[in-house]
Amino acid sequence: MMMVDISRLKHRVEVLSSDGEIKRYGPFNEQKAREFFEVEESLGGTARIMRLEGGIQQRWEVLAGCGDWGDPGGRSREDKRAGLPAR
């Protein structure tokens, strides 16, 4: 039986579906996460690669993204399309 080094599985891919739901896939090593991401990107999807960072205070950091994830200024994707200002 092959043993997997679980310490290397610190990546996941998040995909934003058409109904606004975020689906998370993983954990992966970096190479597999990038391969998964590239497929989503080539299909025109909205996806991002996340990496688990830190020791005791763990957090997910975005490594790469494609598509429209909304606006960090507080506007939703729908508000941006309608030309509404940030809240």
Protein backbone atom coordinates (compact mmCIF):
# COMPACT_ATOMS: atom_id res chain seq x y z
CA MET A 1 0.00 0.00 0.00
CA MET A 2 1.31 3.46 -0.96
CA MET A 3 1.54 6.02 1.85
CA VAL A 4 0.62 9.63 1.05
CA ASP A 5 2.52 12.47 2.69
CA ILE A 6 -0.52 14.39 3.94
CA SER A 7 1.64 17.41 4.94
CA ARG A 8 2.00 18.25 1.23
CA LEU A 9 -1.77 18.38 0.68
CA LYS A 10 -2.23 22.05 1.54
CA HIS A 11 -4.05 23.24 -1.57
CA ARG A 12 -7.67 23.29 -2.64
CA VAL A 13 -9.59 24.67 -5.59
CA GLU A 14 -12.76 26.70 -5.10
CA VAL A 15 -15.20 26.95 -8.00
CA LEU A 16 -18.05 29.48 -8.12
CA SER A 17 -21.11 27.86 -9.68
CA SER A 18 -23.64 29.74 -11.80
CA ASP A 19 -26.05 29.88 -8.84
CA GLY A 20 -23.42 31.61 -6.65
CA GLU A 21 -22.50 28.57 -4.57
CA ILE A 22 -18.81 27.95 -3.84
CA LYS A 23 -17.74 24.32 -4.27
CA ARG A 24 -14.45 23.26 -2.71
CA TYR A 25 -12.29 20.46 -4.11
CA GLY A 26 -9.23 18.96 -2.47
CA PRO A 27 -7.00 18.66 -0.60
CA PHE A 28 -4.38 18.50 -3.33
CA ASN A 29 -0.66 18.97 -3.68
CA GLU A 30 0.23 22.14 -5.61
CA GLN A 31 0.67 20.43 -8.99
CA LYS A 32 -2.73 18.70 -8.89
CA ALA A 33 -4.43 21.90 -7.72
CA ARG A 34 -2.94 23.82 -10.65
CA GLU A 35 -4.04 21.11 -13.11
CA PHE A 36 -7.59 21.20 -11.74
CA PHE A 37 -7.59 25.02 -11.86
CA GLU A 38 -6.32 25.09 -15.47
CA VAL A 39 -9.22 22.87 -16.58
CA GLU A 40 -11.75 25.22 -14.94
CA GLU A 41 -9.99 28.24 -16.45
CA SER A 42 -9.99 26.70 -19.95
CA LEU A 43 -13.74 26.06 -19.64
CA GLY A 44 -14.31 29.73 -18.77
CA GLY A 45 -15.25 29.00 -15.17
CA THR A 46 -14.72 31.08 -12.05
CA ALA A 47 -12.16 29.35 -9.86
CA ARG A 48 -9.25 30.01 -7.51
CA ILE A 49 -6.42 28.05 -5.96
CA MET A 50 -6.17 28.32 -2.18
CA ARG A 51 -3.20 27.31 0.01
CA LEU A 52 -3.34 26.65 3.75
CA GLU A 53 -0.86 28.95 5.50
CA GLY A 54 0.39 29.35 9.02
CA GLY A 55 0.95 27.30 12.12
CA ILE A 56 -1.49 27.71 14.99
CA GLN A 57 -3.43 30.51 13.25
CA GLN A 58 -4.15 28.79 9.95
CA ARG A 59 -5.77 30.67 7.08
CA TRP A 60 -6.39 30.12 3.37
CA GLU A 61 -4.43 32.33 0.96
CA VAL A 62 -5.45 32.82 -2.68
CA LEU A 63 -2.64 31.82 -5.07
CA ALA A 64 -4.40 32.28 -8.43
CA GLY A 65 -7.88 33.07 -9.66
CA CYS A 66 -9.93 33.39 -12.81
CA GLY A 67 -13.41 34.72 -13.51
CA ASP A 68 -15.51 37.22 -11.57
CA TRP A 69 -15.43 36.74 -7.78
CA GLY A 70 -17.12 40.07 -7.04
CA ASP A 71 -15.58 43.29 -5.84
CA PRO A 72 -13.50 43.62 -2.64
CA GLY A 73 -14.99 47.14 -2.37
CA GLY A 74 -18.29 45.66 -1.24
CA ARG A 75 -20.23 45.42 -4.51
CA SER A 76 -21.73 42.15 -5.57
CA ARG A 77 -21.31 40.91 -9.14
CA GLU A 78 -24.92 41.92 -9.85
CA ASP A 79 -24.36 45.46 -8.47
CA LYS A 80 -21.23 45.83 -10.62
CA ARG A 81 -23.16 44.82 -13.74
CA ALA A 82 -25.92 47.30 -12.90
CA GLY A 83 -23.36 50.06 -12.28
CA LEU A 84 -24.38 50.56 -8.64
CA PRO A 85 -21.84 52.18 -6.26
CA ALA A 86 -20.16 50.34 -3.39
CA ARG A 87 -22.17 50.18 -0.15
